[in-house]
Amino acid sequence: MKTSSRVILGKFIICSSILLLCFIGMVLAAIITKLAFIMLAWFKFGAVEFMWSDVIYAAKLGGVGGAFLGLGWALFYLFKVKGF
């Protein structure tokens, strides 16, 4: 079975898009969640304890989770697992 370079390039683009979108989505979800918890603490205690290092740490965690999620989805797509 010989696949053309056009098919391989298309699969590479699809898998890269899946990986990138999962990564970006999880980073944004982590940042929004961290900011929501900061706002809840502000409503409860009346003071804001906001450090950028906490937000960056949440973004890094989201990035790692998004990378694993995107890599898994891309591999499932490449190996033609049923449902992907």
PDB file of N, CA and C in Angstrom:
ATOM      1  N   MET A   1       0.843  -1.173   0.000  1.00  0.00           N
ATOM      2  CA  MET A   1       0.000   0.000   0.000  1.00  0.00           C
ATOM      3  C   MET A   1       0.891   1.240   0.000  1.00  0.00           C
ATOM      4  N   LYS A   2       0.799   1.984  -1.042  1.00  0.00           N
ATOM      5  CA  LYS A   2       1.616   3.182  -1.173  1.00  0.00           C
ATOM      6  C   LYS A   2       0.731   4.416  -0.967  1.00  0.00           C
ATOM      7  N   THR A   3       1.115   5.238  -0.006  1.00  0.00           N
ATOM      8  CA  THR A   3       0.361   6.467   0.231  1.00  0.00           C
ATOM      9  C   THR A   3       1.114   7.627  -0.390  1.00  0.00           C
ATOM     10  N   SER A   4       0.368   8.542  -0.928  1.00  0.00           N
ATOM     11  CA  SER A   4       1.000   9.681  -1.566  1.00  0.00           C
ATOM     12  C   SER A   4       1.450  10.694  -0.524  1.00  0.00           C
ATOM     13  N   SER A   5       2.347  11.552  -0.944  1.00  0.00           N
ATOM     14  CA  SER A   5       2.854  12.571  -0.029  1.00  0.00           C
ATOM     15  C   SER A   5       1.756  13.572   0.329  1.00  0.00           C
ATOM     16  N   ARG A   6       0.777  13.698  -0.525  1.00  0.00           N
ATOM     17  CA  ARG A   6      -0.337  14.614  -0.256  1.00  0.00           C
ATOM     18  C   ARG A   6      -1.177  14.127   0.925  1.00  0.00           C
ATOM     19  N   VAL A   7      -1.396  12.813   0.996  1.00  0.00           N
ATOM     20  CA  VAL A   7      -2.156  12.225   2.095  1.00  0.00           C
ATOM     21  C   VAL A   7      -1.377  12.359   3.400  1.00  0.00           C
ATOM     22  N   ILE A   8      -0.080  12.089   3.348  1.00  0.00           N
ATOM     23  CA  ILE A   8       0.760  12.184   4.542  1.00  0.00           C
ATOM     24  C   ILE A   8       0.801  13.624   5.033  1.00  0.00           C
ATOM     25  N   LEU A   9       0.923  14.570   4.123  1.00  0.00           N
ATOM     26  CA  LEU A   9       0.936  15.982   4.501  1.00  0.00           C
ATOM     27  C   LEU A   9      -0.391  16.401   5.119  1.00  0.00           C
ATOM     28  N   GLY A  10      -1.494  15.909   4.557  1.00  0.00           N
ATOM     29  CA  GLY A  10      -2.813  16.222   5.109  1.00  0.00           C
ATOM     30  C   GLY A  10      -2.982  15.666   6.510  1.00  0.00           C
ATOM     31  N   LYS A  11      -2.552  14.437   6.721  1.00  0.00           N
ATOM     32  CA  LYS A  11      -2.641  13.850   8.061  1.00  0.00           C
ATOM     33  C   LYS A  11      -1.748  14.596   9.048  1.00  0.00           C
ATOM     34  N   PHE A  12      -0.577  15.014   8.603  1.00  0.00           N
ATOM     35  CA  PHE A  12       0.317  15.790   9.466  1.00  0.00           C
ATOM     36  C   PHE A  12      -0.315  17.118   9.860  1.00  0.00           C
ATOM     37  N   ILE A  13      -0.953  17.776   8.918  1.00  0.00           N
ATOM     38  CA  ILE A  13      -1.601  19.056   9.210  1.00  0.00           C
ATOM     39  C   ILE A  13      -2.765  18.861  10.174  1.00  0.00           C
ATOM     40  N   ILE A  14      -3.567  17.828   9.966  1.00  0.00           N
ATOM     41  CA  ILE A  14      -4.695  17.563  10.861  1.00  0.00           C
ATOM     42  C   ILE A  14      -4.208  17.242  12.270  1.00  0.00           C
ATOM     43  N   CYS A  15      -3.204  16.387  12.380  1.00  0.00           N
ATOM     44  CA  CYS A  15      -2.687  16.008  13.697  1.00  0.00           C
ATOM     45  C   CYS A  15      -2.024  17.194  14.404  1.00  0.00           C
ATOM     46  N   SER A  16      -1.306  18.001  13.653  1.00  0.00           N
ATOM     47  CA  SER A  16      -0.692  19.189  14.255  1.00  0.00           C
ATOM     48  C   SER A  16      -1.748  20.173  14.729  1.00  0.00           C
ATOM     49  N   SER A  17      -2.826  20.312  13.961  1.00  0.00           N
ATOM     50  CA  SER A  17      -3.910  21.205  14.363  1.00  0.00           C
ATOM     51  C   SER A  17      -4.598  20.702  15.627  1.00  0.00           C
ATOM     52  N   ILE A  18      -4.824  19.390  15.705  1.00  0.00           N
ATOM     53  CA  ILE A  18      -5.431  18.813  16.909  1.00  0.00           C
ATOM     54  C   ILE A  18      -4.566  19.076  18.119  1.00  0.00           C
ATOM     55  N   LEU A  19      -3.262  18.821  17.980  1.00  0.00           N
ATOM     56  CA  LEU A  19      -2.332  19.022  19.084  1.00  0.00           C
ATOM     57  C   LEU A  19      -2.286  20.484  19.515  1.00  0.00           C
ATOM     58  N   LEU A  20      -2.198  21.389  18.564  1.00  0.00           N
ATOM     59  CA  LEU A  20      -2.115  22.813  18.880  1.00  0.00           C
ATOM     60  C   LEU A  20      -3.395  23.336  19.522  1.00  0.00           C
ATOM     61  N   LEU A  21      -4.537  22.944  18.991  1.00  0.00           N
ATOM     62  CA  LEU A  21      -5.805  23.423  19.543  1.00  0.00           C
ATOM     63  C   LEU A  21      -6.057  22.863  20.943  1.00  0.00           C
ATOM     64  N   CYS A  22      -5.694  21.616  21.178  1.00  0.00           N
ATOM     65  CA  CYS A  22      -5.827  21.057  22.535  1.00  0.00           C
ATOM     66  C   CYS A  22      -4.914  21.787  23.506  1.00  0.00           C
ATOM     67  N   PHE A  23      -3.694  22.057  23.083  1.00  0.00           N
ATOM     68  CA  PHE A  23      -2.737  22.767  23.929  1.00  0.00           C
ATOM     69  C   PHE A  23      -3.252  24.159  24.289  1.00  0.00           C
ATOM     70  N   ILE A  24      -3.671  24.911  23.284  1.00  0.00           N
ATOM     71  CA  ILE A  24      -4.157  26.273  23.524  1.00  0.00           C
ATOM     72  C   ILE A  24      -5.432  26.260  24.354  1.00  0.00           C
ATOM     73  N   GLY A  25      -6.336  25.338  24.058  1.00  0.00           N
ATOM     74  CA  GLY A  25      -7.589  25.253  24.806  1.00  0.00           C
ATOM     75  C   GLY A  25      -7.377  24.940  26.280  1.00  0.00           C
ATOM     76  N   MET A  26      -6.487  24.013  26.576  1.00  0.00           N
ATOM     77  CA  MET A  26      -6.238  23.660  27.971  1.00  0.00           C
ATOM     78  C   MET A  26      -5.520  24.787  28.714  1.00  0.00           C
ATOM     79  N   VAL A  27      -4.609  25.488  28.044  1.00  0.00           N
ATOM     80  CA  VAL A  27      -3.939  26.631  28.682  1.00  0.00           C
ATOM     81  C   VAL A  27      -4.967  27.711  29.010  1.00  0.00           C
ATOM     82  N   LEU A  28      -5.856  28.020  28.070  1.00  0.00           N
ATOM     83  CA  LEU A  28      -6.881  29.030  28.327  1.00  0.00           C
ATOM     84  C   LEU A  28      -7.842  28.594  29.426  1.00  0.00           C
ATOM     85  N   ALA A  29      -8.211  27.323  29.429  1.00  0.00           N
ATOM     86  CA  ALA A  29      -9.098  26.822  30.481  1.00  0.00           C
ATOM     87  C   ALA A  29      -8.437  26.912  31.851  1.00  0.00           C
ATOM     88  N   ALA A  30      -7.157  26.608  31.921  1.00  0.00           N
ATOM     89  CA  ALA A  30      -6.443  26.688  33.199  1.00  0.00           C
ATOM     90  C   ALA A  30      -6.341  28.129  33.692  1.00  0.00           C
ATOM     91  N   ILE A  31      -6.051  29.051  32.782  1.00  0.00           N
ATOM     92  CA  ILE A  31      -5.939  30.462  33.180  1.00  0.00           C
ATOM     93  C   ILE A  31      -7.288  30.997  33.629  1.00  0.00           C
ATOM     94  N   ILE A  32      -8.336  30.701  32.889  1.00  0.00           N
ATOM     95  CA  ILE A  32      -9.677  31.181  33.252  1.00  0.00           C
ATOM     96  C   ILE A  32     -10.115  30.598  34.590  1.00  0.00           C
ATOM     97  N   THR A  33      -9.815  29.325  34.820  1.00  0.00           N
ATOM     98  CA  THR A  33     -10.172  28.708  36.095  1.00  0.00           C
ATOM     99  C   THR A  33      -9.418  29.354  37.244  1.00  0.00           C
ATOM    100  N   LYS A  34      -8.121  29.601  37.063  1.00  0.00           N
ATOM    101  CA  LYS A  34      -7.332  30.247  38.118  1.00  0.00           C
ATOM    102  C   LYS A  34      -7.874  31.645  38.412  1.00  0.00           C
ATOM    103  N   LEU A  35      -8.188  32.400  37.389  1.00  0.00           N
ATOM    104  CA  LEU A  35      -8.735  33.742  37.603  1.00  0.00           C
ATOM    105  C   LEU A  35     -10.110  33.692  38.266  1.00  0.00           C
ATOM    106  N   ALA A  36     -10.903  32.671  37.944  1.00  0.00           N
ATOM    107  CA  ALA A  36     -12.205  32.520  38.594  1.00  0.00           C
ATOM    108  C   ALA A  36     -12.038  32.236  40.087  1.00  0.00           C
ATOM    109  N   PHE A  37     -11.086  31.389  40.441  1.00  0.00           N
ATOM    110  CA  PHE A  37     -10.845  31.113  41.862  1.00  0.00           C
ATOM    111  C   PHE A  37     -10.312  32.346  42.595  1.00  0.00           C
ATOM    112  N   ILE A  38      -9.505  33.142  41.909  1.00  0.00           N
ATOM    113  CA  ILE A  38      -9.023  34.394  42.512  1.00  0.00           C
ATOM    114  C   ILE A  38     -10.191  35.340  42.757  1.00  0.00           C
ATOM    115  N   MET A  39     -11.124  35.407  41.807  1.00  0.00           N
ATOM    116  CA  MET A  39     -12.298  36.270  41.991  1.00  0.00           C
ATOM    117  C   MET A  39     -13.191  35.754  43.121  1.00  0.00           C
ATOM    118  N   LEU A  40     -13.352  34.437  43.231  1.00  0.00           N
ATOM    119  CA  LEU A  40     -14.150  33.884  44.324  1.00  0.00           C
ATOM    120  C   LEU A  40     -13.529  34.201  45.679  1.00  0.00           C
ATOM    121  N   ALA A  41     -12.215  34.112  45.761  1.00  0.00           N
ATOM    122  CA  ALA A  41     -11.533  34.469  47.014  1.00  0.00           C
ATOM    123  C   ALA A  41     -11.692  35.956  47.300  1.00  0.00           C
ATOM    124  N   TRP A  42     -11.691  36.774  46.258  1.00  0.00           N
ATOM    125  CA  TRP A  42     -11.877  38.206  46.445  1.00  0.00           C
ATOM    126  C   TRP A  42     -13.282  38.505  46.970  1.00  0.00           C
ATOM    127  N   PHE A  43     -14.304  37.827  46.409  1.00  0.00           N
ATOM    128  CA  PHE A  43     -15.671  38.024  46.889  1.00  0.00           C
ATOM    129  C   PHE A  43     -15.838  37.568  48.330  1.00  0.00           C
ATOM    130  N   LYS A  44     -15.168  36.494  48.689  1.00  0.00           N
ATOM    131  CA  LYS A  44     -15.331  35.934  50.026  1.00  0.00           C
ATOM    132  C   LYS A  44     -14.575  36.736  51.085  1.00  0.00           C
ATOM    133  N   PHE A  45     -13.310  37.083  50.806  1.00  0.00           N
ATOM    134  CA  PHE A  45     -12.471  37.719  51.817  1.00  0.00           C
ATOM    135  C   PHE A  45     -12.336  39.230  51.645  1.00  0.00           C
ATOM    136  N   GLY A  46     -12.677  39.761  50.501  1.00  0.00           N
ATOM    137  CA  GLY A  46     -12.611  41.195  50.272  1.00  0.00           C
ATOM    138  C   GLY A  46     -11.233  41.712  49.929  1.00  0.00           C
ATOM    139  N   ALA A  47     -10.254  40.840  49.805  1.00  0.00           N
ATOM    140  CA  ALA A  47      -8.897  41.246  49.449  1.00  0.00           C
ATOM    141  C   ALA A  47      -8.407  40.364  48.301  1.00  0.00           C
ATOM    142  N   VAL A  48      -7.594  40.961  47.463  1.00  0.00           N
ATOM    143  CA  VAL A  48      -7.080  40.230  46.306  1.00  0.00           C
ATOM    144  C   VAL A  48      -5.625  39.853  46.579  1.00  0.00           C
ATOM    145  N   GLU A  49      -5.360  38.566  46.549  1.00  0.00           N
ATOM    146  CA  GLU A  49      -3.980  38.076  46.623  1.00  0.00           C
ATOM    147  C   GLU A  49      -3.667  37.461  45.270  1.00  0.00           C
ATOM    148  N   PHE A  50      -3.138  38.300  44.399  1.00  0.00           N
ATOM    149  CA  PHE A  50      -2.918  37.907  43.011  1.00  0.00           C
ATOM    150  C   PHE A  50      -1.429  37.914  42.724  1.00  0.00           C
ATOM    151  N   MET A  51      -0.913  36.757  42.319  1.00  0.00           N
ATOM    152  CA  MET A  51       0.488  36.661  41.922  1.00  0.00           C
ATOM    153  C   MET A  51       0.554  36.063  40.524  1.00  0.00           C
ATOM    154  N   TRP A  52       1.346  36.677  39.680  1.00  0.00           N
ATOM    155  CA  TRP A  52       1.478  36.183  38.314  1.00  0.00           C
ATOM    156  C   TRP A  52       2.105  34.800  38.275  1.00  0.00           C
ATOM    157  N   SER A  53       2.918  34.481  39.262  1.00  0.00           N
ATOM    158  CA  SER A  53       3.552  33.167  39.269  1.00  0.00           C
ATOM    159  C   SER A  53       2.504  32.056  39.394  1.00  0.00           C
ATOM    160  N   ASP A  54       1.427  32.315  40.134  1.00  0.00           N
ATOM    161  CA  ASP A  54       0.346  31.327  40.235  1.00  0.00           C
ATOM    162  C   ASP A  54      -0.361  31.125  38.893  1.00  0.00           C
ATOM    163  N   VAL A  55      -0.591  32.208  38.191  1.00  0.00           N
ATOM    164  CA  VAL A  55      -1.259  32.121  36.884  1.00  0.00           C
ATOM    165  C   VAL A  55      -0.355  31.413  35.872  1.00  0.00           C
ATOM    166  N   ILE A  56       0.930  31.717  35.902  1.00  0.00           N
ATOM    167  CA  ILE A  56       1.867  31.068  34.986  1.00  0.00           C
ATOM    168  C   ILE A  56       1.971  29.577  35.300  1.00  0.00           C
ATOM    169  N   TYR A  57       1.966  29.230  36.583  1.00  0.00           N
ATOM    170  CA  TYR A  57       2.002  27.820  36.974  1.00  0.00           C
ATOM    171  C   TYR A  57       0.754  27.090  36.473  1.00  0.00           C
ATOM    172  N   ALA A  58      -0.406  27.717  36.606  1.00  0.00           N
ATOM    173  CA  ALA A  58      -1.647  27.102  36.102  1.00  0.00           C
ATOM    174  C   ALA A  58      -1.587  26.941  34.585  1.00  0.00           C
ATOM    175  N   ALA A  59      -1.015  27.924  33.888  1.00  0.00           N
ATOM    176  CA  ALA A  59      -0.901  27.830  32.429  1.00  0.00           C
ATOM    177  C   ALA A  59       0.045  26.699  32.029  1.00  0.00           C
ATOM    178  N   LYS A  60       1.124  26.526  32.784  1.00  0.00           N
ATOM    179  CA  LYS A  60       2.049  25.427  32.490  1.00  0.00           C
ATOM    180  C   LYS A  60       1.380  24.078  32.702  1.00  0.00           C
ATOM    181  N   LEU A  61       0.620  23.959  33.791  1.00  0.00           N
ATOM    182  CA  LEU A  61      -0.105  22.707  34.023  1.00  0.00           C
ATOM    183  C   LEU A  61      -1.114  22.433  32.914  1.00  0.00           C
ATOM    184  N   GLY A  62      -1.819  23.471  32.491  1.00  0.00           N
ATOM    185  CA  GLY A  62      -2.762  23.319  31.386  1.00  0.00           C
ATOM    186  C   GLY A  62      -2.065  22.941  30.090  1.00  0.00           C
ATOM    187  N   GLY A  63      -0.884  23.501  29.877  1.00  0.00           N
ATOM    188  CA  GLY A  63      -0.119  23.171  28.676  1.00  0.00           C
ATOM    189  C   GLY A  63       0.318  21.718  28.652  1.00  0.00           C
ATOM    190  N   VAL A  64       0.768  21.215  29.793  1.00  0.00           N
ATOM    191  CA  VAL A  64       1.170  19.806  29.855  1.00  0.00           C
ATOM    192  C   VAL A  64      -0.039  18.901  29.637  1.00  0.00           C
ATOM    193  N   GLY A  65      -1.147  19.225  30.287  1.00  0.00           N
ATOM    194  CA  GLY A  65      -2.362  18.438  30.087  1.00  0.00           C
ATOM    195  C   GLY A  65      -2.859  18.499  28.660  1.00  0.00           C
ATOM    196  N   GLY A  66      -2.817  19.677  28.061  1.00  0.00           N
ATOM    197  CA  GLY A  66      -3.244  19.829  26.669  1.00  0.00           C
ATOM    198  C   GLY A  66      -2.338  19.097  25.699  1.00  0.00           C
ATOM    199  N   ALA A  67      -1.036  19.076  25.998  1.00  0.00           N
ATOM    200  CA  ALA A  67      -0.107  18.357  25.129  1.00  0.00           C
ATOM    201  C   ALA A  67      -0.380  16.854  25.167  1.00  0.00           C
ATOM    202  N   PHE A  68      -0.607  16.310  26.367  1.00  0.00           N
ATOM    203  CA  PHE A  68      -0.918  14.888  26.467  1.00  0.00           C
ATOM    204  C   PHE A  68      -2.247  14.567  25.788  1.00  0.00           C
ATOM    205  N   LEU A  69      -3.239  15.410  26.007  1.00  0.00           N
ATOM    206  CA  LEU A  69      -4.544  15.193  25.392  1.00  0.00           C
ATOM    207  C   LEU A  69      -4.454  15.263  23.868  1.00  0.00           C
ATOM    208  N   GLY A  70      -3.792  16.285  23.354  1.00  0.00           N
ATOM    209  CA  GLY A  70      -3.650  16.439  21.908  1.00  0.00           C
ATOM    210  C   GLY A  70      -2.838  15.329  21.278  1.00  0.00           C
ATOM    211  N   LEU A  71      -1.783  14.905  21.964  1.00  0.00           N
ATOM    212  CA  LEU A  71      -0.965  13.817  21.443  1.00  0.00           C
ATOM    213  C   LEU A  71      -1.768  12.517  21.393  1.00  0.00           C
ATOM    214  N   GLY A  72      -2.540  12.276  22.432  1.00  0.00           N
ATOM    215  CA  GLY A  72      -3.383  11.077  22.444  1.00  0.00           C
ATOM    216  C   GLY A  72      -4.407  11.094  21.330  1.00  0.00           C
ATOM    217  N   TRP A  73      -5.085  12.219  21.152  1.00  0.00           N
ATOM    218  CA  TRP A  73      -6.086  12.320  20.087  1.00  0.00           C
ATOM    219  C   TRP A  73      -5.442  12.169  18.717  1.00  0.00           C
ATOM    220  N   ALA A  74      -4.260  12.788  18.530  1.00  0.00           N
ATOM    221  CA  ALA A  74      -3.587  12.687  17.233  1.00  0.00           C
ATOM    222  C   ALA A  74      -3.158  11.245  16.953  1.00  0.00           C
ATOM    223  N   LEU A  75      -2.661  10.549  17.966  1.00  0.00           N
ATOM    224  CA  LEU A  75      -2.263   9.151  17.764  1.00  0.00           C
ATOM    225  C   LEU A  75      -3.470   8.263  17.492  1.00  0.00           C
ATOM    226  N   PHE A  76      -4.568   8.522  18.196  1.00  0.00           N
ATOM    227  CA  PHE A  76      -5.782   7.765  17.924  1.00  0.00           C
ATOM    228  C   PHE A  76      -6.244   7.994  16.492  1.00  0.00           C
ATOM    229  N   TYR A  77      -6.123   9.222  16.013  1.00  0.00           N
ATOM    230  CA  TYR A  77      -6.502   9.530  14.637  1.00  0.00           C
ATOM    231  C   TYR A  77      -5.585   8.810  13.655  1.00  0.00           C
ATOM    232  N   LEU A  78      -4.272   8.829  13.926  1.00  0.00           N
ATOM    233  CA  LEU A  78      -3.336   8.198  12.997  1.00  0.00           C
ATOM    234  C   LEU A  78      -3.490   6.679  12.952  1.00  0.00           C
ATOM    235  N   PHE A  79      -3.764   6.065  14.110  1.00  0.00           N
ATOM    236  CA  PHE A  79      -3.909   4.615  14.147  1.00  0.00           C
ATOM    237  C   PHE A  79      -5.340   4.157  13.853  1.00  0.00           C
ATOM    238  N   LYS A  80      -6.176   5.098  13.466  1.00  0.00           N
ATOM    239  CA  LYS A  80      -7.551   4.834  13.041  1.00  0.00           C
ATOM    240  C   LYS A  80      -8.348   4.067  14.099  1.00  0.00           C
ATOM    241  N   VAL A  81      -8.251   4.533  15.329  1.00  0.00           N
ATOM    242  CA  VAL A  81      -9.063   3.957  16.398  1.00  0.00           C
ATOM    243  C   VAL A  81     -10.518   4.337  16.134  1.00  0.00           C
ATOM    244  N   LYS A  82     -11.431   3.415  16.371  1.00  0.00           N
ATOM    245  CA  LYS A  82     -12.824   3.637  16.048  1.00  0.00           C
ATOM    246  C   LYS A  82     -13.365   4.837  16.855  1.00  0.00           C
ATOM    247  N   GLY A  83     -13.961   5.789  16.183  1.00  0.00           N
ATOM    248  CA  GLY A  83     -14.520   6.966  16.825  1.00  0.00           C
ATOM    249  C   GLY A  83     -13.650   8.207  16.677  1.00  0.00           C
ATOM    250  N   PHE A  84     -12.463   8.067  16.139  1.00  0.00           N
ATOM    251  CA  PHE A  84     -11.579   9.214  15.940  1.00  0.00           C
ATOM    252  C   PHE A  84     -11.330   9.377  14.470  1.00  0.00           C
TER     253      PHE A  84
END
